[in-house]
Each structure stands twice: as C-alpha cells, then as structure tokens.
N, C-alpha and C. Protein backbone atom coordinates (compact mmCIF):
# COMPACT_ATOMS: atom_id res chain seq x y z
N UNK A 1 51.90 70.30 20.23
CA UNK A 1 51.73 69.77 19.00
C UNK A 1 52.76 69.38 18.26
N UNK A 2 52.45 68.11 17.65
CA UNK A 2 53.61 67.45 16.92
C UNK A 2 53.85 68.38 15.64
N UNK A 3 55.10 68.16 15.14
CA UNK A 3 55.45 69.11 13.91
C UNK A 3 55.83 68.24 12.75
N UNK A 4 54.99 68.09 11.78
CA UNK A 4 55.22 67.08 10.60
C UNK A 4 56.33 67.90 9.54
N UNK A 5 57.35 67.15 9.35
CA UNK A 5 58.39 67.81 8.47
C UNK A 5 57.93 67.68 7.15
N UNK A 6 57.24 66.67 6.79
CA UNK A 6 56.81 66.48 5.35
C UNK A 6 55.85 67.64 5.05
N UNK A 7 55.02 67.82 5.93
CA UNK A 7 53.95 69.12 5.65
C UNK A 7 54.83 70.39 5.41
N UNK A 8 55.72 70.61 6.33
CA UNK A 8 56.46 71.90 6.22
C UNK A 8 57.18 71.86 4.77
N UNK A 9 57.76 70.82 4.43
CA UNK A 9 58.46 70.63 3.13
C UNK A 9 57.54 70.92 2.01
N UNK A 10 56.28 70.40 2.05
CA UNK A 10 55.37 70.54 0.97
C UNK A 10 54.12 71.42 1.04
N UNK A 11 54.11 72.25 2.03
CA UNK A 11 52.88 72.99 2.30
C UNK A 11 52.72 73.94 1.12
N UNK A 12 53.68 74.56 0.44
CA UNK A 12 53.41 75.48 -0.56
C UNK A 12 52.66 74.96 -1.69
N UNK A 13 52.99 73.58 -2.20
CA UNK A 13 52.23 73.00 -3.16
C UNK A 13 50.93 72.48 -2.70
N UNK A 14 50.81 72.13 -1.40
CA UNK A 14 49.36 71.78 -0.96
C UNK A 14 48.67 73.04 -1.03
N UNK A 15 48.99 74.08 -0.44
CA UNK A 15 48.16 75.39 -0.45
C UNK A 15 47.70 75.88 -1.90
N UNK A 16 48.62 75.71 -2.70
CA UNK A 16 48.46 76.25 -4.08
C UNK A 16 47.37 75.27 -4.68
N UNK A 17 47.53 74.17 -4.49
CA UNK A 17 46.27 73.22 -5.08
C UNK A 17 45.03 73.34 -4.32
N UNK A 18 44.94 73.49 -3.08
CA UNK A 18 43.83 73.86 -2.33
C UNK A 18 43.17 74.99 -2.85
N UNK A 19 43.95 76.22 -3.03
CA UNK A 19 43.40 77.57 -3.25
C UNK A 19 42.66 77.32 -4.64
N UNK A 20 43.23 76.63 -5.59
CA UNK A 20 42.68 76.53 -6.96
C UNK A 20 41.28 75.93 -6.85
N UNK A 21 41.06 74.91 -5.90
CA UNK A 21 39.86 74.21 -5.88
C UNK A 21 38.79 74.67 -4.90
N UNK A 22 39.24 75.42 -3.90
CA UNK A 22 38.16 75.65 -2.86
C UNK A 22 37.68 77.08 -2.94
N UNK A 23 36.38 77.23 -2.62
CA UNK A 23 35.69 78.56 -2.70
C UNK A 23 36.21 79.55 -1.30
N UNK A 24 36.99 80.50 -1.75
CA UNK A 24 37.53 81.32 -0.86
C UNK A 24 36.43 81.92 0.29
N UNK A 25 35.23 81.94 -0.12
CA UNK A 25 34.19 82.36 1.02
C UNK A 25 33.83 81.23 1.81
N UNK A 26 34.24 79.91 1.67
CA UNK A 26 34.11 79.09 2.78
C UNK A 26 33.51 77.77 2.23
N UNK A 27 32.62 77.13 3.10
CA UNK A 27 32.21 75.81 2.80
C UNK A 27 32.69 74.80 4.12
N UNK A 28 31.88 73.65 4.04
CA UNK A 28 32.20 72.77 5.24
C UNK A 28 32.98 71.74 4.71
N UNK A 29 34.01 71.43 5.59
CA UNK A 29 35.09 70.50 5.41
C UNK A 29 35.04 69.39 6.47
N UNK A 30 35.27 68.16 6.05
CA UNK A 30 35.38 67.20 6.99
C UNK A 30 36.77 66.61 6.77
N UNK A 31 37.65 66.58 7.64
CA UNK A 31 39.05 66.15 7.55
C UNK A 31 39.19 64.81 8.19
N UNK A 32 39.55 63.74 7.42
CA UNK A 32 39.61 62.50 7.84
C UNK A 32 41.03 62.14 8.04
N UNK A 33 41.31 61.68 9.29
CA UNK A 33 42.74 61.27 9.61
C UNK A 33 43.56 62.62 9.98
N UNK A 34 43.23 63.31 10.81
CA UNK A 34 43.79 64.64 11.10
C UNK A 34 45.15 64.51 11.78
N UNK A 35 45.53 63.37 12.44
CA UNK A 35 46.91 63.35 13.00
C UNK A 35 47.21 64.28 13.88
N UNK A 36 48.26 65.21 13.64
CA UNK A 36 48.66 66.22 14.63
C UNK A 36 47.92 67.29 14.81
N UNK A 37 46.74 67.59 13.86
CA UNK A 37 46.22 68.76 13.65
C UNK A 37 46.92 69.88 13.07
N UNK A 38 48.09 69.77 12.60
CA UNK A 38 48.78 70.68 11.76
C UNK A 38 48.23 71.26 10.37
N UNK A 39 47.77 70.15 9.93
CA UNK A 39 46.99 70.41 8.51
C UNK A 39 45.97 71.43 8.53
N UNK A 40 45.07 71.46 9.56
CA UNK A 40 43.90 72.37 9.47
C UNK A 40 44.36 73.79 9.60
N UNK A 41 45.52 73.93 10.17
CA UNK A 41 46.12 75.49 10.19
C UNK A 41 46.29 75.92 8.71
N UNK A 42 46.67 75.08 7.85
CA UNK A 42 46.88 75.52 6.53
C UNK A 42 45.64 76.31 6.13
N UNK A 43 44.44 76.06 6.48
CA UNK A 43 43.14 76.57 5.98
C UNK A 43 43.11 78.09 6.56
N UNK A 44 43.68 78.41 7.61
CA UNK A 44 43.77 79.84 8.10
C UNK A 44 44.32 80.80 6.90
N UNK A 45 45.20 80.14 6.16
CA UNK A 45 45.85 81.02 5.02
C UNK A 45 44.97 81.10 3.78
N UNK A 46 44.02 79.93 3.64
CA UNK A 46 43.24 79.89 2.48
C UNK A 46 41.82 80.38 2.67
N UNK A 47 41.12 80.05 3.75
CA UNK A 47 39.69 80.46 3.93
C UNK A 47 39.52 81.47 5.13
N UNK A 48 38.95 82.51 4.81
CA UNK A 48 38.81 83.50 5.88
C UNK A 48 37.93 82.89 6.91
N UNK A 49 36.95 82.11 6.57
CA UNK A 49 35.98 81.63 7.45
C UNK A 49 36.49 80.78 8.71
N UNK A 50 37.75 80.33 8.52
CA UNK A 50 38.23 79.59 9.72
C UNK A 50 38.12 80.35 11.09
N UNK A 51 38.10 81.71 10.96
CA UNK A 51 38.14 82.64 12.16
C UNK A 51 38.94 82.15 13.25
N UNK A 52 40.33 81.96 12.78
CA UNK A 52 41.44 81.62 13.72
C UNK A 52 41.03 80.14 14.37
N UNK A 53 40.30 79.34 13.58
CA UNK A 53 40.13 78.05 14.14
C UNK A 53 39.04 77.95 14.90
N UNK A 54 38.38 79.01 15.37
CA UNK A 54 37.24 79.07 16.46
C UNK A 54 36.01 78.17 15.97
N UNK A 55 35.89 77.93 14.66
CA UNK A 55 34.70 77.26 14.17
C UNK A 55 35.05 75.87 13.77
N UNK A 56 36.33 75.34 14.15
CA UNK A 56 36.72 74.00 14.04
C UNK A 56 36.15 73.06 15.02
N UNK A 57 35.50 72.20 14.81
CA UNK A 57 34.92 71.26 15.73
C UNK A 57 35.98 70.39 16.38
N UNK A 58 35.85 69.83 17.50
CA UNK A 58 36.83 68.82 17.96
C UNK A 58 36.74 67.61 17.30
N UNK A 59 38.07 67.00 17.22
CA UNK A 59 38.14 65.72 16.61
C UNK A 59 37.25 64.58 17.04
N UNK A 60 36.72 63.71 16.13
CA UNK A 60 35.91 62.68 16.59
C UNK A 60 36.35 61.45 16.04
N UNK A 61 36.05 60.32 16.50
CA UNK A 61 36.45 58.98 16.06
C UNK A 61 35.61 58.55 15.10
N UNK A 62 36.36 58.11 13.90
CA UNK A 62 35.63 57.71 12.51
C UNK A 62 36.36 56.54 11.99
N UNK A 63 35.64 55.34 11.81
CA UNK A 63 36.34 54.27 11.26
C UNK A 63 35.94 54.22 9.76
N UNK A 64 36.83 54.64 9.07
CA UNK A 64 36.61 54.78 7.59
C UNK A 64 36.31 53.60 6.76
N UNK A 65 36.43 52.45 7.48
CA UNK A 65 36.17 51.08 6.63
C UNK A 65 34.75 50.80 7.03
N UNK A 66 34.09 51.35 7.89
CA UNK A 66 32.75 51.08 8.36
C UNK A 66 31.66 51.74 7.42
N UNK A 67 30.50 51.28 7.49
CA UNK A 67 29.44 51.93 6.57
C UNK A 67 29.13 53.31 6.87
N UNK A 68 28.88 54.29 6.00
CA UNK A 68 28.72 55.50 6.30
C UNK A 68 27.38 55.87 7.18
N UNK A 69 26.59 54.98 7.30
CA UNK A 69 25.53 55.11 8.33
C UNK A 69 25.92 55.26 9.76
N UNK A 70 27.22 54.64 10.10
CA UNK A 70 27.85 54.86 11.48
C UNK A 70 28.89 55.69 11.58
N UNK A 71 29.25 56.37 10.57
CA UNK A 71 30.22 57.42 10.53
C UNK A 71 29.70 58.64 11.49
N UNK A 72 30.68 59.15 12.35
CA UNK A 72 30.24 60.20 13.23
C UNK A 72 28.84 59.94 14.02
N UNK A 73 28.77 58.65 14.52
CA UNK A 73 27.72 58.19 15.18
C UNK A 73 26.32 58.41 14.45
N UNK A 74 26.46 58.14 13.21
CA UNK A 74 25.27 58.27 12.45
C UNK A 74 24.84 59.66 11.93
N UNK A 75 25.57 60.55 12.46
CA UNK A 75 25.33 62.02 11.98
C UNK A 75 25.64 62.28 10.48
N UNK A 76 26.58 61.64 9.92
CA UNK A 76 26.97 61.79 8.68
C UNK A 76 25.85 61.76 7.66
N UNK A 77 24.78 60.96 7.76
CA UNK A 77 23.76 60.86 6.89
C UNK A 77 22.96 62.16 6.79
N UNK A 78 23.12 63.02 7.71
CA UNK A 78 22.44 64.17 7.88
C UNK A 78 23.28 65.47 7.47
N UNK A 79 24.44 65.46 6.91
CA UNK A 79 25.32 66.33 6.70
C UNK A 79 25.94 66.14 5.22
N UNK A 80 25.98 67.20 4.48
CA UNK A 80 26.67 67.18 3.12
C UNK A 80 27.75 68.00 3.21
N UNK A 81 28.99 67.59 3.05
CA UNK A 81 30.19 68.43 3.18
C UNK A 81 30.50 68.97 1.71
N UNK A 82 31.21 70.13 1.78
CA UNK A 82 31.58 70.67 0.41
C UNK A 82 33.16 70.09 0.15
N UNK A 83 33.71 69.71 1.10
CA UNK A 83 35.19 69.02 0.93
C UNK A 83 35.43 68.07 2.02
N UNK A 84 36.15 67.05 1.51
CA UNK A 84 36.85 66.17 2.47
C UNK A 84 38.24 66.30 2.25
N UNK A 85 39.08 66.22 3.34
CA UNK A 85 40.52 66.25 3.33
C UNK A 85 41.07 64.94 4.02
N UNK A 86 42.05 64.36 3.24
CA UNK A 86 42.43 63.35 3.64
C UNK A 86 44.05 63.27 3.56
N UNK A 87 44.74 63.27 4.72
CA UNK A 87 46.09 63.57 4.59
C UNK A 87 46.77 62.42 5.24
N UNK A 88 47.79 61.73 4.69
CA UNK A 88 48.71 60.89 5.25
C UNK A 88 48.09 59.61 5.80
N UNK A 89 46.98 59.16 5.23
CA UNK A 89 46.19 57.91 5.87
C UNK A 89 46.55 56.68 5.04
N UNK A 90 46.40 56.65 3.71
CA UNK A 90 46.27 55.52 3.00
C UNK A 90 47.40 54.63 2.93
N UNK A 91 48.73 54.99 3.21
CA UNK A 91 49.79 54.15 3.30
C UNK A 91 49.92 53.48 4.67
N UNK A 92 49.51 53.95 5.60
CA UNK A 92 49.51 53.30 6.93
C UNK A 92 48.26 52.64 7.38
N UNK A 93 47.49 52.22 6.46
CA UNK A 93 46.29 51.34 6.73
C UNK A 93 46.19 50.25 5.71
N UNK A 94 45.20 49.31 5.97
CA UNK A 94 44.85 48.28 5.08
C UNK A 94 44.17 48.85 3.97
N UNK A 95 44.13 48.20 2.81
CA UNK A 95 43.46 48.74 1.66
C UNK A 95 42.01 48.86 1.74
N UNK A 96 41.45 48.36 2.76
CA UNK A 96 39.90 48.34 2.94
C UNK A 96 39.54 49.82 3.40
N UNK A 97 40.57 50.64 3.94
CA UNK A 97 40.29 51.91 4.27
C UNK A 97 40.28 52.86 3.11
N UNK A 98 40.96 52.50 2.08
CA UNK A 98 41.11 53.29 0.89
C UNK A 98 39.76 53.05 0.22
N UNK A 99 39.41 51.82 0.27
CA UNK A 99 37.97 51.58 -0.46
C UNK A 99 36.86 52.26 0.31
N UNK A 100 36.94 52.12 1.73
CA UNK A 100 36.04 52.84 2.40
C UNK A 100 35.86 54.33 2.36
N UNK A 101 37.10 54.95 2.20
CA UNK A 101 37.19 56.38 1.91
C UNK A 101 36.40 56.89 0.80
N UNK A 102 36.55 56.28 -0.40
CA UNK A 102 35.86 56.59 -1.50
C UNK A 102 34.36 56.11 -1.49
N UNK A 103 34.21 54.92 -0.95
CA UNK A 103 32.60 54.52 -0.94
C UNK A 103 31.83 55.43 -0.15
N UNK A 104 32.33 55.71 1.08
CA UNK A 104 31.53 56.53 2.10
C UNK A 104 31.65 58.01 1.81
N UNK A 105 32.63 58.51 1.11
CA UNK A 105 32.80 59.85 0.78
C UNK A 105 31.68 60.31 -0.25
N UNK A 106 31.39 59.43 -0.99
CA UNK A 106 30.13 59.88 -1.91
C UNK A 106 28.91 59.98 -1.18
N UNK A 107 28.74 59.34 -0.01
CA UNK A 107 27.67 59.81 0.94
C UNK A 107 27.84 61.08 1.57
N UNK A 108 29.13 61.49 2.05
CA UNK A 108 29.38 62.52 2.83
C UNK A 108 29.41 63.82 2.14
N UNK A 109 29.64 63.67 0.79
CA UNK A 109 29.91 64.96 -0.03
C UNK A 109 28.52 65.42 -0.61
N UNK A 110 28.42 66.83 -0.83
CA UNK A 110 27.43 67.28 -1.59
C UNK A 110 27.70 67.02 -3.21
N UNK A 111 26.78 66.98 -4.05
CA UNK A 111 27.12 66.44 -5.33
C UNK A 111 28.22 67.04 -6.16
N UNK A 112 28.75 68.37 -5.75
CA UNK A 112 29.70 68.94 -6.49
C UNK A 112 30.89 68.77 -5.56
N UNK A 113 30.85 68.17 -4.37
CA UNK A 113 32.06 68.08 -3.37
C UNK A 113 33.17 67.58 -4.02
N UNK A 114 34.43 67.89 -3.31
CA UNK A 114 35.59 67.36 -3.81
C UNK A 114 36.33 66.77 -2.49
N UNK A 115 37.14 65.63 -2.91
CA UNK A 115 38.20 65.14 -2.00
C UNK A 115 39.49 65.60 -2.16
N UNK A 116 40.11 66.12 -1.20
CA UNK A 116 41.53 66.33 -1.26
C UNK A 116 42.48 65.25 -0.65
N UNK A 117 43.47 64.78 -1.34
CA UNK A 117 44.28 63.64 -0.77
C UNK A 117 45.64 64.19 -0.89
N UNK A 118 46.50 63.91 0.23
CA UNK A 118 47.79 64.27 0.25
C UNK A 118 48.47 63.13 0.98
N UNK A 119 49.54 62.70 0.40
CA UNK A 119 50.37 61.77 0.90
C UNK A 119 51.41 61.28 -0.10
N UNK A 120 52.39 60.04 0.57
CA UNK A 120 53.38 59.54 -0.48
C UNK A 120 52.47 58.58 -1.22
N UNK A 121 52.49 58.53 -2.64
CA UNK A 121 51.97 57.79 -3.36
C UNK A 121 52.86 57.28 -4.53
N UNK A 122 52.76 56.14 -5.36
CA UNK A 122 53.48 55.97 -6.52
C UNK A 122 52.53 56.14 -7.74
N UNK A 123 53.10 56.22 -8.77
CA UNK A 123 52.38 56.41 -10.05
C UNK A 123 53.02 55.44 -10.97
N UNK A 124 52.06 54.55 -11.43
CA UNK A 124 52.59 53.31 -12.31
C UNK A 124 53.41 52.48 -11.57
N UNK A 125 53.41 52.30 -10.14
CA UNK A 125 54.23 51.58 -9.42
C UNK A 125 55.70 52.02 -9.27
N UNK A 126 55.99 53.32 -9.79
CA UNK A 126 57.27 53.76 -9.72
C UNK A 126 57.72 54.37 -8.47
N UNK A 127 58.73 53.89 -7.77
CA UNK A 127 59.09 54.37 -6.51
C UNK A 127 60.38 55.31 -6.62
N UNK A 128 60.04 56.58 -6.76
CA UNK A 128 61.26 57.40 -6.84
C UNK A 128 60.85 58.74 -6.18
N UNK A 129 61.60 59.55 -5.54
CA UNK A 129 62.96 59.30 -5.32
C UNK A 129 63.20 58.06 -4.35
N UNK A 130 64.45 57.73 -4.21
CA UNK A 130 64.92 56.57 -3.40
C UNK A 130 64.22 56.58 -1.95
N UNK A 131 63.99 57.68 -1.38
CA UNK A 131 63.32 57.78 -0.04
C UNK A 131 62.09 56.96 -0.16
N UNK A 132 61.21 57.26 -1.16
CA UNK A 132 60.13 56.41 -1.27
C UNK A 132 60.27 55.01 -1.18
N UNK A 133 61.20 54.51 -1.92
CA UNK A 133 61.35 53.06 -1.92
C UNK A 133 61.66 52.66 -0.41
N UNK A 134 62.53 53.41 0.13
CA UNK A 134 62.91 52.99 1.57
C UNK A 134 61.72 53.13 2.56
N UNK A 135 60.91 54.08 2.39
CA UNK A 135 59.62 54.43 3.27
C UNK A 135 58.85 53.20 2.91
N UNK A 136 58.60 52.96 1.63
CA UNK A 136 57.62 51.76 1.48
C UNK A 136 58.15 50.33 2.07
N UNK A 137 59.31 50.20 1.89
CA UNK A 137 59.85 48.96 2.40
C UNK A 137 59.71 49.05 4.05
N UNK A 138 59.92 50.16 4.73
CA UNK A 138 59.76 50.13 6.15
C UNK A 138 58.52 49.99 6.49
N UNK A 139 57.44 50.66 5.87
CA UNK A 139 55.94 50.32 6.10
C UNK A 139 55.61 48.94 5.94
N UNK A 140 56.09 48.16 4.95
CA UNK A 140 55.81 46.95 4.73
C UNK A 140 56.43 45.91 5.87
N UNK A 141 57.41 46.33 6.21
CA UNK A 141 58.11 45.45 7.43
C UNK A 141 57.19 45.71 8.72
N UNK A 142 56.67 46.77 8.79
CA UNK A 142 55.83 47.14 9.75
C UNK A 142 54.50 46.16 9.99
N UNK A 143 53.92 46.26 8.74
CA UNK A 143 52.72 45.62 8.50
C UNK A 143 52.43 45.33 7.03
N UNK A 144 52.46 44.06 6.69
CA UNK A 144 52.37 43.71 5.26
C UNK A 144 51.26 44.32 4.46
N UNK A 145 50.19 44.76 5.13
CA UNK A 145 49.10 45.31 4.68
C UNK A 145 49.18 46.78 4.35
N UNK A 146 50.22 47.38 4.90
CA UNK A 146 50.49 48.93 4.74
C UNK A 146 51.44 48.92 3.43
N UNK A 147 51.36 50.32 2.90
CA UNK A 147 52.45 50.52 1.80
C UNK A 147 51.83 51.55 0.95
N UNK A 148 52.75 52.09 0.09
CA UNK A 148 52.31 53.25 -0.73
C UNK A 148 51.30 52.74 -1.67
N UNK A 149 50.13 53.55 -1.93
CA UNK A 149 49.18 53.19 -2.91
C UNK A 149 49.62 53.82 -4.16
N UNK A 150 49.21 53.19 -5.21
CA UNK A 150 49.56 53.62 -6.61
C UNK A 150 48.34 54.38 -7.14
N UNK A 151 48.60 55.57 -7.70
CA UNK A 151 47.51 56.40 -8.14
C UNK A 151 46.70 55.84 -9.34
N UNK A 152 47.64 55.31 -10.36
CA UNK A 152 47.09 54.85 -11.53
C UNK A 152 46.31 53.54 -11.50
N UNK A 153 46.84 52.66 -10.76
CA UNK A 153 46.42 51.11 -10.60
C UNK A 153 45.32 51.03 -9.30
N UNK A 154 45.51 51.77 -8.43
CA UNK A 154 44.58 51.65 -7.24
C UNK A 154 43.67 52.81 -7.07
N UNK A 155 44.21 53.93 -6.83
CA UNK A 155 43.27 55.01 -6.40
C UNK A 155 42.35 55.58 -7.50
N UNK A 156 42.94 55.74 -8.71
CA UNK A 156 41.86 56.08 -9.71
C UNK A 156 40.88 55.06 -9.99
N UNK A 157 41.11 53.90 -10.30
CA UNK A 157 39.88 52.97 -10.52
C UNK A 157 39.02 52.81 -9.31
N UNK A 158 39.57 52.81 -8.00
CA UNK A 158 38.64 52.79 -6.87
C UNK A 158 37.83 53.91 -6.79
N UNK A 159 38.34 55.20 -7.00
CA UNK A 159 37.60 56.30 -6.73
C UNK A 159 36.56 56.38 -7.99
N UNK A 160 36.97 55.95 -9.20
CA UNK A 160 35.88 56.08 -10.36
C UNK A 160 34.72 55.09 -10.09
N UNK A 161 34.91 54.01 -9.43
CA UNK A 161 33.77 53.25 -9.01
C UNK A 161 32.68 53.97 -8.16
N UNK A 162 33.09 54.99 -7.35
CA UNK A 162 32.11 55.89 -6.69
C UNK A 162 31.86 57.34 -7.35
N UNK A 163 32.17 57.39 -8.44
CA UNK A 163 31.84 58.65 -9.14
C UNK A 163 32.89 59.62 -9.10
N UNK A 164 34.09 59.47 -8.64
CA UNK A 164 35.20 60.55 -8.47
C UNK A 164 36.21 60.40 -9.49
N UNK A 165 36.69 61.47 -9.98
CA UNK A 165 37.63 61.57 -10.96
C UNK A 165 38.92 62.36 -10.55
N UNK A 166 40.07 62.13 -10.90
CA UNK A 166 41.13 62.83 -10.60
C UNK A 166 41.36 64.08 -11.41
N UNK A 167 41.43 65.27 -10.68
CA UNK A 167 41.41 66.50 -11.41
C UNK A 167 42.71 67.21 -11.36
N UNK A 168 43.47 66.63 -10.45
CA UNK A 168 44.88 67.20 -10.55
C UNK A 168 45.74 66.24 -9.50
N UNK A 169 46.96 66.06 -10.17
CA UNK A 169 48.02 65.25 -9.45
C UNK A 169 49.19 66.21 -9.20
N UNK A 170 49.49 66.58 -8.14
CA UNK A 170 50.61 67.66 -7.83
C UNK A 170 51.80 66.70 -7.29
N UNK A 171 53.00 66.49 -7.96
CA UNK A 171 54.15 65.90 -7.21
C UNK A 171 54.76 66.76 -6.34
N UNK A 172 55.12 66.20 -5.24
CA UNK A 172 55.80 67.08 -4.01
C UNK A 172 57.10 66.40 -3.95
C-alpha cells in the first residue's frame, strides 16, 4: 500500500471533523477517489461497524462526470448512501468532475446525507502557505485544467446548486 504523507500530517483534523458529523453506530458510505486505500483505514477509529474492514467492498470504477444512472453500472440508483467521502480528487481533475460530484451525489445520498471532502483548496483565491502556490503551479504545468479549487467561488456555489451547504471548513 502507498503511504500518503499529507494524510498522516492531517489525519487528526480529518478524524475530528468526521467524528462530529458521523453516526458512531454506522451508516453506508461511498468513497469516491479512494487512491491508495489509506483513507478508509481512518474509519476503523471512528465507526465500530467497519469490523476491521471486513465489510468494505472492493473498489469499483466510477466516472464522476457521467450521469448518475451509470455510476456503479447503474446500481447507484437503487442505493441511498448516508455519506460520500471524496479525498484529494478535485485538484487533479477537470472542473467537470467537481460539477459531476455534486450533481450526482444528490442522487446517491439519502435526504439527510453528507459529503465529506478533503484536499488542498484555496479560499477567496488565497494561496498560502507557499507550498500551496508551488503545488498549484506544478498541477497546472502538468495539465492546464487541473489546479486547486476555490471554496468560496467554486465549491460552495456549485454545491448549492444541488442542495448542499458548507457546514464546516477545517484548515489543515
């Protein structure tokens, strides 16, 4: 398994935020962009129902920019998740994936469900500390459609179009 240094550096603040919002008795969760798989291990410390990850299903391919009727081979329309977890995806994708995440999550979540998002973002387009500026520049050199998304000007308005609101913003 790969070891993500940013997750190790920020896991206490991630865990604290998730514990505040998640039902400790469990619930269904769809993780989008699971990467190395290291993030799901955080849930062992939050929710007893992970049973040492024995009830975690194998990863499946999902194109977030596609219509929700084709997510998980059409199975998404039959499932209502309590939570969606999205970590470190938005900055390494075209903005259509950000739009798709919010658009399709409103179909995938139960009416009181939550999306948890973690990653490098800007707020009011402020790039600080300096490592964020360098990181954003490197992303855009790799692909001009990539880059840090802005919470105030991109994420909140897009989420609001699909009925989501920001309940907490934790700086890491």
